[in-house]
C-alpha atoms as a PDB file:
ATOM      1  CA  MET A   1     -19.849  64.062 -37.808  1.00  0.00           C
ATOM      2  CA  LYS A   2     -22.989  63.128 -35.905  1.00  0.00           C
ATOM      3  CA  GLN A   3     -23.187  59.927 -37.943  1.00  0.00           C
ATOM      4  CA  ARG A   4     -19.676  58.931 -36.868  1.00  0.00           C
ATOM      5  CA  ILE A   5     -20.485  59.548 -33.213  1.00  0.00           C
ATOM      6  CA  VAL A   6     -23.590  57.382 -33.469  1.00  0.00           C
ATOM      7  CA  ILE A   7     -21.621  54.578 -35.120  1.00  0.00           C
ATOM      8  CA  LEU A   8     -18.936  54.774 -32.386  1.00  0.00           C
ATOM      9  CA  LEU A   9     -21.552  54.612 -29.661  1.00  0.00           C
ATOM     10  CA  LEU A  10     -23.166  51.606 -31.317  1.00  0.00           C
ATOM     11  CA  ILE A  11     -19.799  49.847 -31.509  1.00  0.00           C
ATOM     12  CA  LEU A  12     -19.103  50.552 -27.844  1.00  0.00           C
ATOM     13  CA  LEU A  13     -22.593  49.407 -26.887  1.00  0.00           C
ATOM     14  CA  LEU A  14     -22.337  46.214 -28.917  1.00  0.00           C
ATOM     15  CA  GLY A  15     -18.814  45.586 -27.624  1.00  0.00           C
ATOM     16  CA  GLY A  16     -19.911  46.083 -24.050  1.00  0.00           C
ATOM     17  CA  SER A  17     -22.866  43.748 -24.559  1.00  0.00           C
ATOM     18  CA  PHE A  18     -20.594  41.106 -26.088  1.00  0.00           C
ATOM     19  CA  ILE A  19     -18.121  41.339 -23.199  1.00  0.00           C
ATOM     20  CA  SER A  20     -20.962  41.149 -20.687  1.00  0.00           C
ATOM     21  CA  LEU A  21     -22.408  38.073 -22.384  1.00  0.00           C
ATOM     22  CA  TRP A  22     -18.949  36.491 -22.629  1.00  0.00           C
ATOM     23  CA  TRP A  23     -18.251  37.122 -18.957  1.00  0.00           C
ATOM     24  CA  THR A  24     -21.639  35.824 -17.861  1.00  0.00           C
ATOM     25  CA  ARG A  25     -21.148  32.647 -19.894  1.00  0.00           C
ATOM     26  CA  ALA A  26     -17.553  32.169 -18.621  1.00  0.00           C
ATOM     27  CA  ASN A  27     -18.763  32.267 -15.028  1.00  0.00           C
ATOM     28  CA  LYS A  28     -21.377  29.560 -15.559  1.00  0.00           C
ATOM     29  CA  PRO A  29     -20.659  25.922 -14.586  1.00  0.00           C
ATOM     30  CA  ILE A  30     -19.572  23.615 -17.373  1.00  0.00           C
ATOM     31  CA  LYS A  31     -21.917  20.855 -16.169  1.00  0.00           C
ATOM     32  CA  PRO A  32     -24.472  22.147 -13.634  1.00  0.00           C
ATOM     33  CA  ASP A  33     -25.670  18.634 -12.770  1.00  0.00           C
ATOM     34  CA  ASP A  34     -22.248  16.974 -12.472  1.00  0.00           C
ATOM     35  CA  LYS A  35     -21.251  17.066  -8.801  1.00  0.00           C
ATOM     36  CA  LYS A  36     -18.567  14.385  -9.067  1.00  0.00           C
ATOM     37  CA  GLU A  37     -15.541  15.659  -7.166  1.00  0.00           C
ATOM     38  CA  VAL A  38     -12.162  16.101  -8.814  1.00  0.00           C
ATOM     39  CA  VAL A  39      -8.942  16.508  -6.833  1.00  0.00           C
ATOM     40  CA  PHE A  40      -7.159  19.560  -8.224  1.00  0.00           C
ATOM     41  CA  THR A  41      -3.585  20.187  -7.086  1.00  0.00           C
ATOM     42  CA  ILE A  42      -1.864  23.574  -7.076  1.00  0.00           C
ATOM     43  CA  HIS A  43       1.907  23.305  -6.869  1.00  0.00           C
ATOM     44  CA  ASN A  44       4.180  25.567  -4.856  1.00  0.00           C
ATOM     45  CA  GLY A  45       5.176  28.580  -6.934  1.00  0.00           C
ATOM     46  CA  GLU A  46       2.726  27.812  -9.751  1.00  0.00           C
ATOM     47  CA  SER A  47       1.525  30.869 -11.674  1.00  0.00           C
ATOM     48  CA  ILE A  48      -2.112  31.934 -11.867  1.00  0.00           C
ATOM     49  CA  ARG A  49      -1.953  31.585 -15.659  1.00  0.00           C
ATOM     50  CA  SER A  50      -0.879  27.942 -15.299  1.00  0.00           C
ATOM     51  CA  VAL A  51      -3.627  27.276 -12.745  1.00  0.00           C
ATOM     52  CA  ALA A  52      -6.200  28.840 -15.086  1.00  0.00           C
ATOM     53  CA  GLU A  53      -5.065  26.774 -18.060  1.00  0.00           C
ATOM     54  CA  ARG A  54      -5.155  23.511 -16.096  1.00  0.00           C
ATOM     55  CA  LEU A  55      -8.610  24.284 -14.722  1.00  0.00           C
ATOM     56  CA  GLN A  56      -9.846  24.684 -18.282  1.00  0.00           C
ATOM     57  CA  ASN A  57      -8.011  21.578 -19.496  1.00  0.00           C
ATOM     58  CA  GLN A  58      -9.640  19.551 -16.714  1.00  0.00           C
ATOM     59  CA  LYS A  59     -13.025  20.948 -17.764  1.00  0.00           C
ATOM     60  CA  LEU A  60     -13.680  22.698 -14.483  1.00  0.00           C
ATOM     61  CA  ILE A  61     -14.038  26.202 -16.003  1.00  0.00           C
ATOM     62  CA  ARG A  62     -15.067  27.486 -19.425  1.00  0.00           C
ATOM     63  CA  SER A  63     -12.358  30.080 -19.983  1.00  0.00           C
ATOM     64  CA  SER A  64      -8.803  30.291 -18.666  1.00  0.00           C
ATOM     65  CA  VAL A  65      -8.672  33.939 -19.793  1.00  0.00           C
ATOM     66  CA  ALA A  66     -11.738  34.827 -17.726  1.00  0.00           C
ATOM     67  CA  PHE A  67     -10.355  32.999 -14.680  1.00  0.00           C
ATOM     68  CA  PHE A  68      -6.999  34.756 -15.046  1.00  0.00           C
ATOM     69  CA  LEU A  69      -8.701  38.164 -15.231  1.00  0.00           C
ATOM     70  CA  LEU A  70     -10.890  37.344 -12.236  1.00  0.00           C
ATOM     71  CA  ALA A  71      -7.923  36.173 -10.175  1.00  0.00           C
ATOM     72  CA  ARG A  72      -5.614  38.972 -11.284  1.00  0.00           C
ATOM     73  CA  PHE A  73      -7.989  41.915 -10.898  1.00  0.00           C
ATOM     74  CA  GLY A  74     -10.542  40.490  -8.461  1.00  0.00           C
ATOM     75  CA  GLY A  75      -8.232  40.294  -5.463  1.00  0.00           C
ATOM     76  CA  VAL A  76      -7.958  36.491  -5.543  1.00  0.00           C
ATOM     77  CA  ALA A  77      -4.514  35.815  -7.018  1.00  0.00           C
ATOM     78  CA  ASN A  78      -2.503  36.657  -3.902  1.00  0.00           C
ATOM     79  CA  ASN A  79      -4.673  34.429  -1.714  1.00  0.00           C
ATOM     80  CA  ILE A  80      -4.680  31.244  -3.788  1.00  0.00           C
ATOM     81  CA  GLN A  81      -2.836  28.502  -1.895  1.00  0.00           C
ATOM     82  CA  ALA A  82      -0.757  25.526  -2.919  1.00  0.00           C
ATOM     83  CA  GLY A  83      -2.239  22.143  -2.102  1.00  0.00           C
ATOM     84  CA  GLU A  84      -5.105  19.843  -3.012  1.00  0.00           C
ATOM     85  CA  PHE A  85      -8.697  20.949  -3.479  1.00  0.00           C
ATOM     86  CA  ARG A  86     -11.925  19.102  -4.196  1.00  0.00           C
ATOM     87  CA  LEU A  87     -13.748  20.772  -7.080  1.00  0.00           C
ATOM     88  CA  ASN A  88     -16.546  19.726  -9.419  1.00  0.00           C
ATOM     89  CA  PRO A  89     -17.924  20.851 -12.819  1.00  0.00           C
ATOM     90  CA  SER A  90     -21.157  22.132 -11.258  1.00  0.00           C
ATOM     91  CA  MET A  91     -19.317  25.007  -9.555  1.00  0.00           C
ATOM     92  CA  HIS A  92     -19.356  28.567 -10.924  1.00  0.00           C
ATOM     93  CA  MET A  93     -15.983  29.986 -11.895  1.00  0.00           C
ATOM     94  CA  ASN A  94     -16.161  32.570  -9.118  1.00  0.00           C
ATOM     95  CA  THR A  95     -16.932  29.818  -6.574  1.00  0.00           C
ATOM     96  CA  ILE A  96     -13.927  27.819  -7.763  1.00  0.00           C
ATOM     97  CA  ALA A  97     -11.689  30.878  -7.444  1.00  0.00           C
ATOM     98  CA  GLN A  98     -12.863  31.460  -3.882  1.00  0.00           C
ATOM     99  CA  SER A  99     -12.472  27.768  -3.011  1.00  0.00           C
ATOM    100  CA  LEU A 100      -8.795  27.934  -3.932  1.00  0.00           C
ATOM    101  CA  THR A 101      -8.252  30.600  -1.258  1.00  0.00           C
ATOM    102  CA  HIS A 102      -9.801  28.677   1.638  1.00  0.00           C
ATOM    103  CA  GLY A 103      -7.019  26.206   2.277  1.00  0.00           C
ATOM    104  CA  THR A 104      -6.617  22.657   1.109  1.00  0.00           C
ATOM    105  CA  THR A 105      -9.307  20.153   1.951  1.00  0.00           C
ATOM    106  CA  ASP A 106      -7.014  17.205   2.658  1.00  0.00           C
ATOM    107  CA  VAL A 107      -3.901  16.425   4.633  1.00  0.00           C
ATOM    108  CA  GLN A 108      -1.625  13.809   3.068  1.00  0.00           C
ATOM    109  CA  LEU A 109      -0.020  11.403   5.526  1.00  0.00           C
ATOM    110  CA  THR A 110       2.160   8.363   4.962  1.00  0.00           C
ATOM    111  CA  ILE A 111       1.913   5.677   7.640  1.00  0.00           C
ATOM    112  CA  PRO A 112       4.954   3.360   7.398  1.00  0.00           C
ATOM    113  CA  GLU A 113       4.731  -0.409   7.687  1.00  0.00           C
ATOM    114  CA  GLY A 114       5.363  -1.701  11.185  1.00  0.00           C
ATOM    115  CA  TRP A 115       4.144   1.309  13.130  1.00  0.00           C
ATOM    116  CA  ARG A 116       2.134   0.526  16.238  1.00  0.00           C
ATOM    117  CA  ASN A 117      -1.102   2.381  16.949  1.00  0.00           C
ATOM    118  CA  SER A 118       0.612   4.667  19.447  1.00  0.00           C
ATOM    119  CA  GLU A 119       2.956   5.941  16.733  1.00  0.00           C
ATOM    120  CA  ILE A 120       0.049   6.525  14.362  1.00  0.00           C
ATOM    121  CA  ALA A 121      -1.927   8.319  17.079  1.00  0.00           C
ATOM    122  CA  PHE A 122       0.955  10.711  17.761  1.00  0.00           C
ATOM    123  CA  LYS A 123       1.267  11.510  14.051  1.00  0.00           C
ATOM    124  CA  LEU A 124      -2.469  12.144  13.712  1.00  0.00           C
ATOM    125  CA  THR A 125      -2.367  14.464  16.715  1.00  0.00           C
ATOM    126  CA  GLN A 126       0.447  16.458  15.129  1.00  0.00           C
ATOM    127  CA  GLU A 127      -1.114  16.748  11.687  1.00  0.00           C
ATOM    128  CA  LEU A 128      -4.858  16.724  12.350  1.00  0.00           C
ATOM    129  CA  ALA A 129      -5.175  17.682  16.027  1.00  0.00           C
ATOM    130  CA  VAL A 130      -7.027  14.447  16.795  1.00  0.00           C
ATOM    131  CA  PRO A 131      -6.540  13.530  20.486  1.00  0.00           C
ATOM    132  CA  GLU A 132      -4.349  10.449  20.838  1.00  0.00           C
ATOM    133  CA  SER A 133      -6.624   8.943  23.466  1.00  0.00           C
ATOM    134  CA  GLU A 134      -9.671   9.133  21.179  1.00  0.00           C
ATOM    135  CA  PHE A 135      -7.874   7.321  18.362  1.00  0.00           C
ATOM    136  CA  LEU A 136      -6.296   4.671  20.598  1.00  0.00           C
ATOM    137  CA  LYS A 137      -9.607   3.956  22.289  1.00  0.00           C
ATOM    138  CA  ILE A 138     -11.153   2.663  19.048  1.00  0.00           C
ATOM    139  CA  ALA A 139      -8.207   1.749  16.792  1.00  0.00           C
ATOM    140  CA  ARG A 140      -7.491  -1.956  16.464  1.00  0.00           C
ATOM    141  CA  GLU A 141      -3.814  -2.864  16.473  1.00  0.00           C
ATOM    142  CA  GLY A 142      -2.780  -4.604  13.279  1.00  0.00           C
ATOM    143  CA  TYR A 143      -5.690  -3.370  11.184  1.00  0.00           C
ATOM    144  CA  MET A 144      -4.708   0.281  10.671  1.00  0.00           C
ATOM    145  CA  PHE A 145      -3.314  -0.463   7.234  1.00  0.00           C
ATOM    146  CA  PRO A 146      -0.001   1.267   6.390  1.00  0.00           C
ATOM    147  CA  ASP A 147      -0.337   3.427   3.287  1.00  0.00           C
ATOM    148  CA  THR A 148      -0.376   7.004   2.019  1.00  0.00           C
ATOM    149  CA  TYR A 149      -3.675   8.657   2.874  1.00  0.00           C
ATOM    150  CA  ARG A 150      -5.436  11.948   2.199  1.00  0.00           C
ATOM    151  CA  PHE A 151      -7.572  12.833   5.190  1.00  0.00           C
ATOM    152  CA  PRO A 152     -10.014  15.760   5.367  1.00  0.00           C
ATOM    153  CA  LYS A 153      -8.687  18.359   7.785  1.00  0.00           C
ATOM    154  CA  ASN A 154     -11.667  18.105  10.079  1.00  0.00           C
ATOM    155  CA  SER A 155     -11.647  14.293  10.372  1.00  0.00           C
ATOM    156  CA  THR A 156     -12.666  12.781  13.699  1.00  0.00           C
ATOM    157  CA  ALA A 157     -10.998   9.774  15.320  1.00  0.00           C
ATOM    158  CA  VAL A 158     -13.939   7.597  14.285  1.00  0.00           C
ATOM    159  CA  GLU A 159     -13.634   8.721  10.659  1.00  0.00           C
ATOM    160  CA  LEU A 160      -9.878   8.132  10.611  1.00  0.00           C
ATOM    161  CA  VAL A 161     -10.195   4.613  11.992  1.00  0.00           C
ATOM    162  CA  LYS A 162     -12.776   3.911   9.288  1.00  0.00           C
ATOM    163  CA  PHE A 163     -10.346   5.175   6.608  1.00  0.00           C
ATOM    164  CA  PHE A 164      -7.691   2.732   7.847  1.00  0.00           C
ATOM    165  CA  PHE A 165     -10.025  -0.208   8.290  1.00  0.00           C
ATOM    166  CA  ASP A 166     -11.750   0.282   4.920  1.00  0.00           C
ATOM    167  CA  ASN A 167      -8.342   0.293   3.254  1.00  0.00           C
ATOM    168  CA  PHE A 168      -7.428  -2.905   5.118  1.00  0.00           C
ATOM    169  CA  ASN A 169     -10.590  -4.569   3.808  1.00  0.00           C
ATOM    170  CA  ARG A 170      -9.788  -3.446   0.268  1.00  0.00           C
ATOM    171  CA  LYS A 171      -6.291  -4.948   0.448  1.00  0.00           C
ATOM    172  CA  ILE A 172      -7.072  -8.087   2.454  1.00  0.00           C
ATOM    173  CA  GLY A 173     -10.094  -9.871   1.012  1.00  0.00           C
ATOM    174  CA  GLN A 174     -11.577 -13.327   0.727  1.00  0.00           C
ATOM    175  CA  LYS A 175      -8.635 -14.614  -1.301  1.00  0.00           C
ATOM    176  CA  GLU A 176      -6.195 -13.856   1.516  1.00  0.00           C
ATOM    177  CA  ILE A 177      -8.580 -15.210   4.145  1.00  0.00           C
ATOM    178  CA  SER A 178      -8.910 -18.468   2.186  1.00  0.00           C
ATOM    179  CA  LEU A 179      -5.130 -18.809   1.880  1.00  0.00           C
ATOM    180  CA  ALA A 180      -4.811 -18.270   5.635  1.00  0.00           C
ATOM    181  CA  GLN A 181      -7.421 -20.954   6.297  1.00  0.00           C
ATOM    182  CA  GLU A 182      -5.401 -23.373   4.180  1.00  0.00           C
ATOM    183  CA  LYS A 183      -2.605 -22.853   6.713  1.00  0.00           C
ATOM    184  CA  ASN A 184      -5.083 -23.328   9.579  1.00  0.00           C
ATOM    185  CA  LEU A 185      -4.811 -19.681  10.491  1.00  0.00           C
ATOM    186  CA  SER A 186      -7.628 -17.315  11.354  1.00  0.00           C
ATOM    187  CA  LEU A 187      -7.505 -13.779   9.990  1.00  0.00           C
ATOM    188  CA  ASN A 188      -6.354 -12.475  13.360  1.00  0.00           C
ATOM    189  CA  GLN A 189      -3.623 -15.117  13.623  1.00  0.00           C
ATOM    190  CA  LEU A 190      -2.477 -14.146  10.128  1.00  0.00           C
ATOM    191  CA  ILE A 191      -2.207 -10.489  11.133  1.00  0.00           C
ATOM    192  CA  ILE A 192      -0.474 -11.319  14.421  1.00  0.00           C
ATOM    193  CA  ILE A 193       2.200 -13.367  12.629  1.00  0.00           C
ATOM    194  CA  ALA A 194       2.521 -10.724   9.897  1.00  0.00           C
ATOM    195  CA  SER A 195       3.099  -8.079  12.577  1.00  0.00           C
ATOM    196  CA  LEU A 196       5.915 -10.190  14.013  1.00  0.00           C
ATOM    197  CA  VAL A 197       7.423 -10.666  10.564  1.00  0.00           C
ATOM    198  CA  GLU A 198       7.128  -6.930   9.851  1.00  0.00           C
ATOM    199  CA  ARG A 199       9.087  -6.007  12.951  1.00  0.00           C
ATOM    200  CA  GLU A 200      11.644  -8.836  12.752  1.00  0.00           C
ATOM    201  CA  ALA A 201      12.530  -8.925   9.027  1.00  0.00           C
ATOM    202  CA  LYS A 202      13.883  -5.744   7.507  1.00  0.00           C
ATOM    203  CA  HIS A 203      14.236  -7.068   3.948  1.00  0.00           C
ATOM    204  CA  ASP A 204      11.574  -8.524   1.657  1.00  0.00           C
ATOM    205  CA  VAL A 205      13.739 -11.519   0.779  1.00  0.00           C
ATOM    206  CA  ASP A 206      13.839 -12.623   4.428  1.00  0.00           C
ATOM    207  CA  ARG A 207      10.177 -12.205   5.314  1.00  0.00           C
ATOM    208  CA  PRO A 208       8.758 -15.507   3.990  1.00  0.00           C
ATOM    209  CA  ILE A 209      11.554 -17.475   5.662  1.00  0.00           C
ATOM    210  CA  VAL A 210      11.152 -15.651   8.987  1.00  0.00           C
ATOM    211  CA  ALA A 211       7.449 -16.515   8.724  1.00  0.00           C
ATOM    212  CA  SER A 212       8.381 -20.167   8.173  1.00  0.00           C
ATOM    213  CA  VAL A 213      10.481 -20.145  11.359  1.00  0.00           C
ATOM    214  CA  ILE A 214       7.547 -18.766  13.337  1.00  0.00           C
ATOM    215  CA  LEU A 215       5.151 -21.384  11.929  1.00  0.00           C
ATOM    216  CA  ASN A 216       7.655 -24.196  12.523  1.00  0.00           C
ATOM    217  CA  ARG A 217       8.161 -23.211  16.152  1.00  0.00           C
ATOM    218  CA  LEU A 218       4.407 -22.888  16.713  1.00  0.00           C
ATOM    219  CA  LYS A 219       3.890 -26.353  15.278  1.00  0.00           C
ATOM    220  CA  LEU A 220       6.459 -27.824  17.679  1.00  0.00           C
ATOM    221  CA  GLY A 221       5.112 -25.908  20.680  1.00  0.00           C
ATOM    222  CA  MET A 222       8.354 -23.952  21.089  1.00  0.00           C
ATOM    223  CA  LYS A 223       8.403 -20.444  22.496  1.00  0.00           C
ATOM    224  CA  LEU A 224       8.907 -17.902  19.716  1.00  0.00           C
ATOM    225  CA  ASP A 225      11.577 -15.881  21.562  1.00  0.00           C
ATOM    226  CA  ILE A 226      10.904 -12.796  19.445  1.00  0.00           C
ATOM    227  CA  ASP A 227      12.536  -9.545  20.551  1.00  0.00           C
ATOM    228  CA  ALA A 228       9.855  -7.374  18.968  1.00  0.00           C
ATOM    229  CA  THR A 229       7.212  -8.713  21.360  1.00  0.00           C
ATOM    230  CA  VAL A 230       9.296  -7.535  24.318  1.00  0.00           C
ATOM    231  CA  GLN A 231       9.883  -4.185  22.625  1.00  0.00           C
ATOM    232  CA  TYR A 232       6.122  -3.859  22.266  1.00  0.00           C
ATOM    233  CA  VAL A 233       5.620  -4.458  25.999  1.00  0.00           C
ATOM    234  CA  LEU A 234       8.343  -2.004  27.018  1.00  0.00           C
ATOM    235  CA  GLY A 235       6.776   0.773  24.965  1.00  0.00           C
ATOM    236  CA  TYR A 236       8.185   4.245  24.400  1.00  0.00           C
ATOM    237  CA  GLN A 237      11.857   4.802  25.244  1.00  0.00           C
ATOM    238  CA  PRO A 238      12.446   8.487  26.086  1.00  0.00           C
ATOM    239  CA  GLN A 239      16.228   8.287  25.817  1.00  0.00           C
ATOM    240  CA  GLU A 240      16.064   6.720  22.359  1.00  0.00           C
ATOM    241  CA  LYS A 241      12.934   8.667  21.370  1.00  0.00           C
ATOM    242  CA  SER A 242      11.583   5.451  19.938  1.00  0.00           C
ATOM    243  CA  TRP A 243       8.730   3.043  20.562  1.00  0.00           C
ATOM    244  CA  TRP A 244      11.062   0.084  19.914  1.00  0.00           C
ATOM    245  CA  LYS A 245      13.993  -0.359  22.281  1.00  0.00           C
ATOM    246  CA  LYS A 246      17.150  -1.210  20.358  1.00  0.00           C
ATOM    247  CA  GLU A 247      19.210  -3.278  22.786  1.00  0.00           C
ATOM    248  CA  LEU A 248      17.252  -5.613  25.059  1.00  0.00           C
ATOM    249  CA  THR A 249      18.725  -6.746  28.385  1.00  0.00           C
ATOM    250  CA  LEU A 250      18.239 -10.068  30.167  1.00  0.00           C
ATOM    251  CA  LYS A 251      16.002  -8.197  32.586  1.00  0.00           C
ATOM    252  CA  ASP A 252      13.886  -6.965  29.669  1.00  0.00           C
ATOM    253  CA  LEU A 253      13.408 -10.539  28.489  1.00  0.00           C
ATOM    254  CA  GLU A 254      11.974 -11.437  31.907  1.00  0.00           C
ATOM    255  CA  THR A 255       9.239  -8.779  31.640  1.00  0.00           C
ATOM    256  CA  ASP A 256       5.958 -10.267  32.807  1.00  0.00           C
ATOM    257  CA  SER A 257       3.400  -9.900  30.014  1.00  0.00           C
ATOM    258  CA  PRO A 258       1.257 -12.197  27.851  1.00  0.00           C
ATOM    259  CA  TYR A 259       2.941 -10.499  24.878  1.00  0.00           C
ATOM    260  CA  ASN A 260       6.425 -11.620  25.954  1.00  0.00           C
ATOM    261  CA  THR A 261       7.168 -14.608  23.724  1.00  0.00           C
ATOM    262  CA  TYR A 262      10.323 -15.364  25.737  1.00  0.00           C
ATOM    263  CA  LYS A 263       8.109 -16.322  28.683  1.00  0.00           C
ATOM    264  CA  ASN A 264       4.983 -17.600  26.946  1.00  0.00           C
ATOM    265  CA  ALA A 265       4.571 -20.207  24.222  1.00  0.00           C
ATOM    266  CA  GLY A 266       2.323 -19.490  21.302  1.00  0.00           C
ATOM    267  CA  LEU A 267       1.326 -16.199  19.681  1.00  0.00           C
ATOM    268  CA  PRO A 268       0.858 -12.953  21.598  1.00  0.00           C
ATOM    269  CA  PRO A 269      -2.805 -12.071  22.265  1.00  0.00           C
ATOM    270  CA  GLN A 270      -3.000  -9.483  19.471  1.00  0.00           C
ATOM    271  CA  PRO A 271      -0.765  -7.974  16.761  1.00  0.00           C
ATOM    272  CA  ILE A 272       2.138  -5.886  17.991  1.00  0.00           C
ATOM    273  CA  ALA A 273       2.142  -3.506  15.014  1.00  0.00           C
ATOM    274  CA  ASN A 274       0.392  -2.773  11.741  1.00  0.00           C
ATOM    275  CA  PRO A 275       1.918  -4.970   9.016  1.00  0.00           C
ATOM    276  CA  GLY A 276       2.056  -4.006   5.373  1.00  0.00           C
ATOM    277  CA  LEU A 277       0.970  -6.072   2.407  1.00  0.00           C
ATOM    278  CA  GLU A 278       4.464  -7.544   1.878  1.00  0.00           C
ATOM    279  CA  ALA A 279       4.570  -8.995   5.393  1.00  0.00           C
ATOM    280  CA  ILE A 280       1.038 -10.371   5.146  1.00  0.00           C
ATOM    281  CA  THR A 281       1.792 -11.916   1.754  1.00  0.00           C
ATOM    282  CA  ALA A 282       5.000 -13.415   3.162  1.00  0.00           C
ATOM    283  CA  VAL A 283       2.998 -15.361   5.743  1.00  0.00           C
ATOM    284  CA  LEU A 284       0.543 -16.556   3.104  1.00  0.00           C
ATOM    285  CA  ASN A 285       3.371 -17.665   0.802  1.00  0.00           C
ATOM    286  CA  THR A 286       5.649 -19.194   3.410  1.00  0.00           C
ATOM    287  CA  PRO A 287       7.998 -21.819   1.941  1.00  0.00           C
ATOM    288  CA  LYS A 288       8.429 -25.179   3.601  1.00  0.00           C
ATOM    289  CA  THR A 289      11.646 -25.154   5.624  1.00  0.00           C
ATOM    290  CA  ASP A 290      13.072 -26.906   8.667  1.00  0.00           C
ATOM    291  CA  TYR A 291      14.496 -23.667  10.065  1.00  0.00           C
ATOM    292  CA  LEU A 292      13.874 -22.937  13.743  1.00  0.00           C
ATOM    293  CA  TYR A 293      16.273 -20.049  14.323  1.00  0.00           C
ATOM    294  CA  TYR A 294      17.431 -16.842  12.695  1.00  0.00           C
ATOM    295  CA  VAL A 295      19.737 -13.970  13.529  1.00  0.00           C
ATOM    296  CA  ALA A 296      20.057 -10.619  11.752  1.00  0.00           C
ATOM    297  CA  ASP A 297      23.462  -9.231  10.810  1.00  0.00           C
ATOM    298  CA  ASN A 298      24.500  -5.585  11.050  1.00  0.00           C
ATOM    299  CA  ASN A 299      22.869  -4.841   7.702  1.00  0.00           C
ATOM    300  CA  GLY A 300      19.562  -6.309   8.794  1.00  0.00           C
ATOM    301  CA  PHE A 301      19.760  -9.472   6.680  1.00  0.00           C
ATOM    302  CA  SER A 302      18.653 -12.668   8.409  1.00  0.00           C
ATOM    303  CA  HIS A 303      20.627 -15.901   8.582  1.00  0.00           C
ATOM    304  CA  PHE A 304      18.759 -19.115   9.308  1.00  0.00           C
ATOM    305  CA  ALA A 305      19.532 -22.364  11.065  1.00  0.00           C
ATOM    306  CA  SER A 306      17.816 -25.675  11.757  1.00  0.00           C
ATOM    307  CA  THR A 307      19.709 -26.532  14.934  1.00  0.00           C
ATOM    308  CA  ILE A 308      20.869 -24.573  17.957  1.00  0.00           C
ATOM    309  CA  GLU A 309      24.479 -25.442  17.077  1.00  0.00           C
ATOM    310  CA  GLU A 310      24.114 -23.861  13.610  1.00  0.00           C
ATOM    311  CA  HIS A 311      22.356 -20.885  15.175  1.00  0.00           C
ATOM    312  CA  ASN A 312      25.189 -20.312  17.622  1.00  0.00           C
ATOM    313  CA  GLN A 313      27.666 -20.466  14.758  1.00  0.00           C
ATOM    314  CA  ASN A 314      25.659 -17.810  12.908  1.00  0.00           C
ATOM    315  CA  ILE A 315      25.643 -15.615  16.010  1.00  0.00           C
ATOM    316  CA  SER A 316      29.428 -15.949  16.282  1.00  0.00           C
ATOM    317  CA  LYS A 317      29.918 -15.314  12.569  1.00  0.00           C
ATOM    318  CA  TYR A 318      27.551 -12.418  11.968  1.00  0.00           C
ATOM    319  CA  LEU A 319      27.484 -10.695  15.350  1.00  0.00           C
ATOM    320  CA  ASN A 320      31.047 -11.478  16.485  1.00  0.00           C
ATOM    321  CA  LYS A 321      29.797 -12.893  19.799  1.00  0.00           C
END
């Protein structure tokens, strides 16, 4: 009898030692020296078991079973949040579990093509609590590249502007600058024209031809007569809740501003919005045309003309005027 008790105690002791060793090993980092960050996403409604298995599959923890037990019985499971987290293989399992309860590290924002800086600033204030005035003070119109971004929650205005501008420099490099120079355009002139194209042409198929109209009129010294430049000057419209007034009046077209291309020949001083890659590429790949006019129909498609007579016919045909 005593022999059986001794054997049972030895088994329990050995079993306890094995579990202790297993647990200690499971909590250790997979690669203590590897601090390269990995974005780990937890989906809404995802189970702890699924999270544990994916953490192991991505080689962030040693044991999904150990993580599940820690989360389930360590008071962590109910506090783990959905979202994106920056983890690395040098983290202990317990540290990873705690990190998943502290909120996501990034806020994902999509900035559409053609937004002006004021629209971006308002969005950043809503999502990241960055004061609009701080962003607008340093943001450069036309160079806050439209894209989907993941910003750290505690980003400052300076850091956000750098995110946008770095992305611009990644997308618009020496190749694009060289192509612009072949058209006798500086980088800033390229972006100004692209911003006009972005606001004026709603469909990709029209953008290169709209760009050709702008270049043709510039070459002849004609005023551009572009509605979007007046919309830019007029700014936010409370009744429409929009930064771009829909229906311009004759009085609007007389607005005194260097940006008003109905009153001033040549390009506006700076871009009027932040163009996307399609609009910029459209300017760089402009076909040779003799078009000097265009009008958009009710579906947003542009119709082009070489003479004022043809243009007036298009207005009558597509706008019933």
